[in-house]
């Protein structure tokens, strides 16, 4: 069953961010802890990690 992944708040004060770069592509198999994307905020660029395992079906 597909799981929709939403951009997380990377800090308590984060209200918006920009997805700067995908680090995965459709068809990639990912596991918990794998890096999926880079997210830019007004203060920093942070990496977003997968929390579960699966296959990327859509971006």
PDB file of N, CA and C in Angstrom:
ATOM      1  N   UNK A   1       0.845  -1.173   0.000  1.00  0.00           N
ATOM      2  CA  UNK A   1       0.000   0.000   0.000  1.00  0.00           C
ATOM      3  C   UNK A   1       0.896   1.244   0.000  1.00  0.00           C
ATOM      4  N   UNK A   2       0.652   2.196  -0.886  1.00  0.00           N
ATOM      5  CA  UNK A   2       1.481   3.404  -0.965  1.00  0.00           C
ATOM      6  C   UNK A   2       1.389   4.270   0.291  1.00  0.00           C
ATOM      7  N   UNK A   3       2.497   4.914   0.613  1.00  0.00           N
ATOM      8  CA  UNK A   3       2.548   5.860   1.723  1.00  0.00           C
ATOM      9  C   UNK A   3       2.938   7.219   1.169  1.00  0.00           C
ATOM     10  N   UNK A   4       2.123   8.219   1.435  1.00  0.00           N
ATOM     11  CA  UNK A   4       2.438   9.578   0.995  1.00  0.00           C
ATOM     12  C   UNK A   4       3.393  10.203   2.000  1.00  0.00           C
ATOM     13  N   UNK A   5       4.472  10.788   1.506  1.00  0.00           N
ATOM     14  CA  UNK A   5       5.466  11.420   2.370  1.00  0.00           C
ATOM     15  C   UNK A   5       5.340  12.929   2.220  1.00  0.00           C
ATOM     16  N   UNK A   6       5.184  13.608   3.339  1.00  0.00           N
ATOM     17  CA  UNK A   6       5.070  15.065   3.329  1.00  0.00           C
ATOM     18  C   UNK A   6       6.342  15.681   3.892  1.00  0.00           C
ATOM     19  N   UNK A   7       6.626  16.907   3.463  1.00  0.00           N
ATOM     20  CA  UNK A   7       7.812  17.594   3.959  1.00  0.00           C
ATOM     21  C   UNK A   7       7.680  17.798   5.465  1.00  0.00           C
ATOM     22  N   UNK A   8       8.675  17.339   6.224  1.00  0.00           N
ATOM     23  CA  UNK A   8       8.611  17.495   7.676  1.00  0.00           C
ATOM     24  C   UNK A   8       9.043  18.892   8.119  1.00  0.00           C
ATOM     25  N   UNK A   9       8.600  19.289   9.289  1.00  0.00           N
ATOM     26  CA  UNK A   9       9.133  20.504   9.918  1.00  0.00           C
ATOM     27  C   UNK A   9      10.473  20.101  10.525  1.00  0.00           C
ATOM     28  N   UNK A  10      11.536  20.707  10.081  1.00  0.00           N
ATOM     29  CA  UNK A  10      12.871  20.318  10.523  1.00  0.00           C
ATOM     30  C   UNK A  10      13.336  21.060  11.764  1.00  0.00           C
ATOM     31  N   UNK A  11      12.523  21.999  12.230  1.00  0.00           N
ATOM     32  CA  UNK A  11      12.795  22.686  13.490  1.00  0.00           C
ATOM     33  C   UNK A  11      11.459  23.173  14.039  1.00  0.00           C
ATOM     34  N   UNK A  12      11.392  23.466  15.325  1.00  0.00           N
ATOM     35  CA  UNK A  12      10.127  23.914  15.919  1.00  0.00           C
ATOM     36  C   UNK A  12       9.603  25.225  15.333  1.00  0.00           C
ATOM     37  N   UNK A  13      10.488  26.039  14.781  1.00  0.00           N
ATOM     38  CA  UNK A  13      10.060  27.335  14.248  1.00  0.00           C
ATOM     39  C   UNK A  13       9.880  27.328  12.730  1.00  0.00           C
ATOM     40  N   UNK A  14      10.152  26.205  12.085  1.00  0.00           N
ATOM     41  CA  UNK A  14      10.047  26.136  10.624  1.00  0.00           C
ATOM     42  C   UNK A  14       8.598  26.239  10.184  1.00  0.00           C
ATOM     43  N   UNK A  15       8.310  27.207   9.325  1.00  0.00           N
ATOM     44  CA  UNK A  15       6.968  27.374   8.782  1.00  0.00           C
ATOM     45  C   UNK A  15       6.911  27.044   7.296  1.00  0.00           C
ATOM     46  N   UNK A  16       8.028  27.178   6.598  1.00  0.00           N
ATOM     47  CA  UNK A  16       8.065  26.830   5.187  1.00  0.00           C
ATOM     48  C   UNK A  16       9.477  26.442   4.796  1.00  0.00           C
ATOM     49  N   UNK A  17       9.575  25.717   3.708  1.00  0.00           N
ATOM     50  CA  UNK A  17      10.863  25.299   3.192  1.00  0.00           C
ATOM     51  C   UNK A  17      10.734  25.018   1.707  1.00  0.00           C
ATOM     52  N   UNK A  18      11.867  24.839   1.065  1.00  0.00           N
ATOM     53  CA  UNK A  18      11.898  24.565  -0.362  1.00  0.00           C
ATOM     54  C   UNK A  18      12.624  23.254  -0.584  1.00  0.00           C
ATOM     55  N   UNK A  19      12.021  22.378  -1.367  1.00  0.00           N
ATOM     56  CA  UNK A  19      12.686  21.142  -1.715  1.00  0.00           C
ATOM     57  C   UNK A  19      13.750  21.497  -2.754  1.00  0.00           C
ATOM     58  N   UNK A  20      15.005  21.474  -2.340  1.00  0.00           N
ATOM     59  CA  UNK A  20      16.101  21.927  -3.197  1.00  0.00           C
ATOM     60  C   UNK A  20      16.527  20.857  -4.193  1.00  0.00           C
ATOM     61  N   UNK A  21      16.533  19.584  -3.754  1.00  0.00           N
ATOM     62  CA  UNK A  21      17.061  18.531  -4.618  1.00  0.00           C
ATOM     63  C   UNK A  21      16.562  17.171  -4.157  1.00  0.00           C
ATOM     64  N   UNK A  22      16.046  16.398  -5.091  1.00  0.00           N
ATOM     65  CA  UNK A  22      15.727  15.003  -4.803  1.00  0.00           C
ATOM     66  C   UNK A  22      17.014  14.193  -4.876  1.00  0.00           C
ATOM     67  N   UNK A  23      17.210  13.292  -3.938  1.00  0.00           N
ATOM     68  CA  UNK A  23      18.380  12.419  -3.933  1.00  0.00           C
ATOM     69  C   UNK A  23      18.011  11.000  -4.346  1.00  0.00           C
ATOM     70  N   UNK A  24      16.727  10.783  -4.653  1.00  0.00           N
ATOM     71  CA  UNK A  24      16.227   9.490  -5.121  1.00  0.00           C
ATOM     72  C   UNK A  24      15.465   9.719  -6.419  1.00  0.00           C
ATOM     73  N   UNK A  25      15.188   8.626  -7.121  1.00  0.00           N
ATOM     74  CA  UNK A  25      14.372   8.720  -8.326  1.00  0.00           C
ATOM     75  C   UNK A  25      13.343   7.592  -8.299  1.00  0.00           C
ATOM     76  N   UNK A  26      12.334   7.701  -9.141  1.00  0.00           N
ATOM     77  CA  UNK A  26      11.292   6.684  -9.222  1.00  0.00           C
ATOM     78  C   UNK A  26      11.945   5.334  -9.509  1.00  0.00           C
ATOM     79  N   UNK A  27      11.536   4.326  -8.745  1.00  0.00           N
ATOM     80  CA  UNK A  27      12.076   2.979  -8.895  1.00  0.00           C
ATOM     81  C   UNK A  27      13.155   2.638  -7.889  1.00  0.00           C
ATOM     82  N   UNK A  28      13.737   3.641  -7.235  1.00  0.00           N
ATOM     83  CA  UNK A  28      14.766   3.385  -6.224  1.00  0.00           C
ATOM     84  C   UNK A  28      14.167   2.667  -5.019  1.00  0.00           C
ATOM     85  N   UNK A  29      14.919   1.734  -4.468  1.00  0.00           N
ATOM     86  CA  UNK A  29      14.546   1.080  -3.219  1.00  0.00           C
ATOM     87  C   UNK A  29      15.234   1.837  -2.096  1.00  0.00           C
ATOM     88  N   UNK A  30      14.467   2.187  -1.070  1.00  0.00           N
ATOM     89  CA  UNK A  30      15.021   2.946   0.051  1.00  0.00           C
ATOM     90  C   UNK A  30      14.785   2.193   1.349  1.00  0.00           C
ATOM     91  N   UNK A  31      15.597   2.500   2.331  1.00  0.00           N
ATOM     92  CA  UNK A  31      15.452   1.941   3.665  1.00  0.00           C
ATOM     93  C   UNK A  31      15.458   3.061   4.685  1.00  0.00           C
ATOM     94  N   UNK A  32      15.048   2.739   5.894  1.00  0.00           N
ATOM     95  CA  UNK A  32      15.039   3.737   6.965  1.00  0.00           C
ATOM     96  C   UNK A  32      16.435   4.325   7.121  1.00  0.00           C
ATOM     97  N   UNK A  33      16.501   5.649   7.166  1.00  0.00           N
ATOM     98  CA  UNK A  33      17.770   6.342   7.317  1.00  0.00           C
ATOM     99  C   UNK A  33      18.407   6.770   6.009  1.00  0.00           C
ATOM    100  N   UNK A  34      17.902   6.256   4.880  1.00  0.00           N
ATOM    101  CA  UNK A  34      18.443   6.673   3.583  1.00  0.00           C
ATOM    102  C   UNK A  34      18.064   8.127   3.311  1.00  0.00           C
ATOM    103  N   UNK A  35      18.972   8.875   2.725  1.00  0.00           N
ATOM    104  CA  UNK A  35      18.694  10.269   2.383  1.00  0.00           C
ATOM    105  C   UNK A  35      17.796  10.315   1.159  1.00  0.00           C
ATOM    106  N   UNK A  36      16.721  11.121   1.244  1.00  0.00           N
ATOM    107  CA  UNK A  36      15.766  11.225   0.142  1.00  0.00           C
ATOM    108  C   UNK A  36      15.814  12.570  -0.564  1.00  0.00           C
ATOM    109  N   UNK A  37      16.082  13.653   0.182  1.00  0.00           N
ATOM    110  CA  UNK A  37      16.021  14.986  -0.412  1.00  0.00           C
ATOM    111  C   UNK A  37      16.806  15.980   0.428  1.00  0.00           C
ATOM    112  N   UNK A  38      17.077  17.130  -0.183  1.00  0.00           N
ATOM    113  CA  UNK A  38      17.652  18.268   0.529  1.00  0.00           C
ATOM    114  C   UNK A  38      16.578  19.342   0.610  1.00  0.00           C
ATOM    115  N   UNK A  39      16.375  19.889   1.801  1.00  0.00           N
ATOM    116  CA  UNK A  39      15.356  20.908   2.028  1.00  0.00           C
ATOM    117  C   UNK A  39      16.036  22.181   2.498  1.00  0.00           C
ATOM    118  N   UNK A  40      15.698  23.291   1.844  1.00  0.00           N
ATOM    119  CA  UNK A  40      16.257  24.595   2.218  1.00  0.00           C
ATOM    120  C   UNK A  40      15.238  25.370   3.037  1.00  0.00           C
ATOM    121  N   UNK A  41      15.710  25.958   4.129  1.00  0.00           N
ATOM    122  CA  UNK A  41      14.890  26.875   4.915  1.00  0.00           C
ATOM    123  C   UNK A  41      15.568  28.238   4.859  1.00  0.00           C
ATOM    124  N   UNK A  42      15.006  29.195   5.559  1.00  0.00           N
ATOM    125  CA  UNK A  42      15.630  30.521   5.565  1.00  0.00           C
ATOM    126  C   UNK A  42      16.964  30.528   6.300  1.00  0.00           C
ATOM    127  N   UNK A  43      17.250  29.476   7.068  1.00  0.00           N
ATOM    128  CA  UNK A  43      18.472  29.452   7.874  1.00  0.00           C
ATOM    129  C   UNK A  43      19.504  28.420   7.432  1.00  0.00           C
ATOM    130  N   UNK A  44      19.066  27.329   6.796  1.00  0.00           N
ATOM    131  CA  UNK A  44      20.007  26.250   6.492  1.00  0.00           C
ATOM    132  C   UNK A  44      19.451  25.323   5.420  1.00  0.00           C
ATOM    133  N   UNK A  45      20.331  24.464   4.921  1.00  0.00           N
ATOM    134  CA  UNK A  45      19.924  23.368   4.044  1.00  0.00           C
ATOM    135  C   UNK A  45      20.104  22.086   4.841  1.00  0.00           C
ATOM    136  N   UNK A  46      19.051  21.271   4.884  1.00  0.00           N
ATOM    137  CA  UNK A  46      19.084  20.043   5.678  1.00  0.00           C
ATOM    138  C   UNK A  46      18.697  18.859   4.810  1.00  0.00           C
ATOM    139  N   UNK A  47      19.137  17.679   5.218  1.00  0.00           N
ATOM    140  CA  UNK A  47      18.803  16.460   4.499  1.00  0.00           C
ATOM    141  C   UNK A  47      17.595  15.799   5.145  1.00  0.00           C
ATOM    142  N   UNK A  48      16.740  15.235   4.299  1.00  0.00           N
ATOM    143  CA  UNK A  48      15.542  14.542   4.756  1.00  0.00           C
ATOM    144  C   UNK A  48      15.768  13.047   4.598  1.00  0.00           C
ATOM    145  N   UNK A  49      15.589  12.291   5.688  1.00  0.00           N
ATOM    146  CA  UNK A  49      15.818  10.849   5.685  1.00  0.00           C
ATOM    147  C   UNK A  49      14.505  10.086   5.657  1.00  0.00           C
ATOM    148  N   UNK A  50      14.528   8.929   5.005  1.00  0.00           N
ATOM    149  CA  UNK A  50      13.379   8.029   5.015  1.00  0.00           C
ATOM    150  C   UNK A  50      13.215   7.453   6.418  1.00  0.00           C
ATOM    151  N   UNK A  51      11.981   7.251   6.828  1.00  0.00           N
ATOM    152  CA  UNK A  51      11.716   6.658   8.139  1.00  0.00           C
ATOM    153  C   UNK A  51      11.264   5.207   8.010  1.00  0.00           C
ATOM    154  N   UNK A  52      11.083   4.741   6.785  1.00  0.00           N
ATOM    155  CA  UNK A  52      10.613   3.382   6.536  1.00  0.00           C
ATOM    156  C   UNK A  52      11.291   2.875   5.269  1.00  0.00           C
ATOM    157  N   UNK A  53      11.005   1.645   4.903  1.00  0.00           N
ATOM    158  CA  UNK A  53      11.587   1.095   3.686  1.00  0.00           C
ATOM    159  C   UNK A  53      10.520   0.948   2.615  1.00  0.00           C
ATOM    160  N   UNK A  54      10.953   0.914   1.377  1.00  0.00           N
ATOM    161  CA  UNK A  54      10.015   0.745   0.277  1.00  0.00           C
ATOM    162  C   UNK A  54      10.658   1.118  -1.046  1.00  0.00           C
ATOM    163  N   UNK A  55       9.814   1.288  -2.063  1.00  0.00           N
ATOM    164  CA  UNK A  55      10.252   1.664  -3.398  1.00  0.00           C
ATOM    165  C   UNK A  55       9.588   2.976  -3.773  1.00  0.00           C
ATOM    166  N   UNK A  56      10.359   3.900  -4.312  1.00  0.00           N
ATOM    167  CA  UNK A  56       9.822   5.199  -4.718  1.00  0.00           C
ATOM    168  C   UNK A  56       8.945   4.977  -5.954  1.00  0.00           C
ATOM    169  N   UNK A  57       7.647   5.273  -5.826  1.00  0.00           N
ATOM    170  CA  UNK A  57       6.701   5.045  -6.917  1.00  0.00           C
ATOM    171  C   UNK A  57       6.424   6.310  -7.716  1.00  0.00           C
ATOM    172  N   UNK A  58       6.495   7.461  -7.055  1.00  0.00           N
ATOM    173  CA  UNK A  58       6.146   8.716  -7.716  1.00  0.00           C
ATOM    174  C   UNK A  58       6.831   9.870  -7.001  1.00  0.00           C
ATOM    175  N   UNK A  59       7.228  10.870  -7.770  1.00  0.00           N
ATOM    176  CA  UNK A  59       7.798  12.092  -7.189  1.00  0.00           C
ATOM    177  C   UNK A  59       6.991  13.261  -7.703  1.00  0.00           C
TER     178      UNK A  59
END
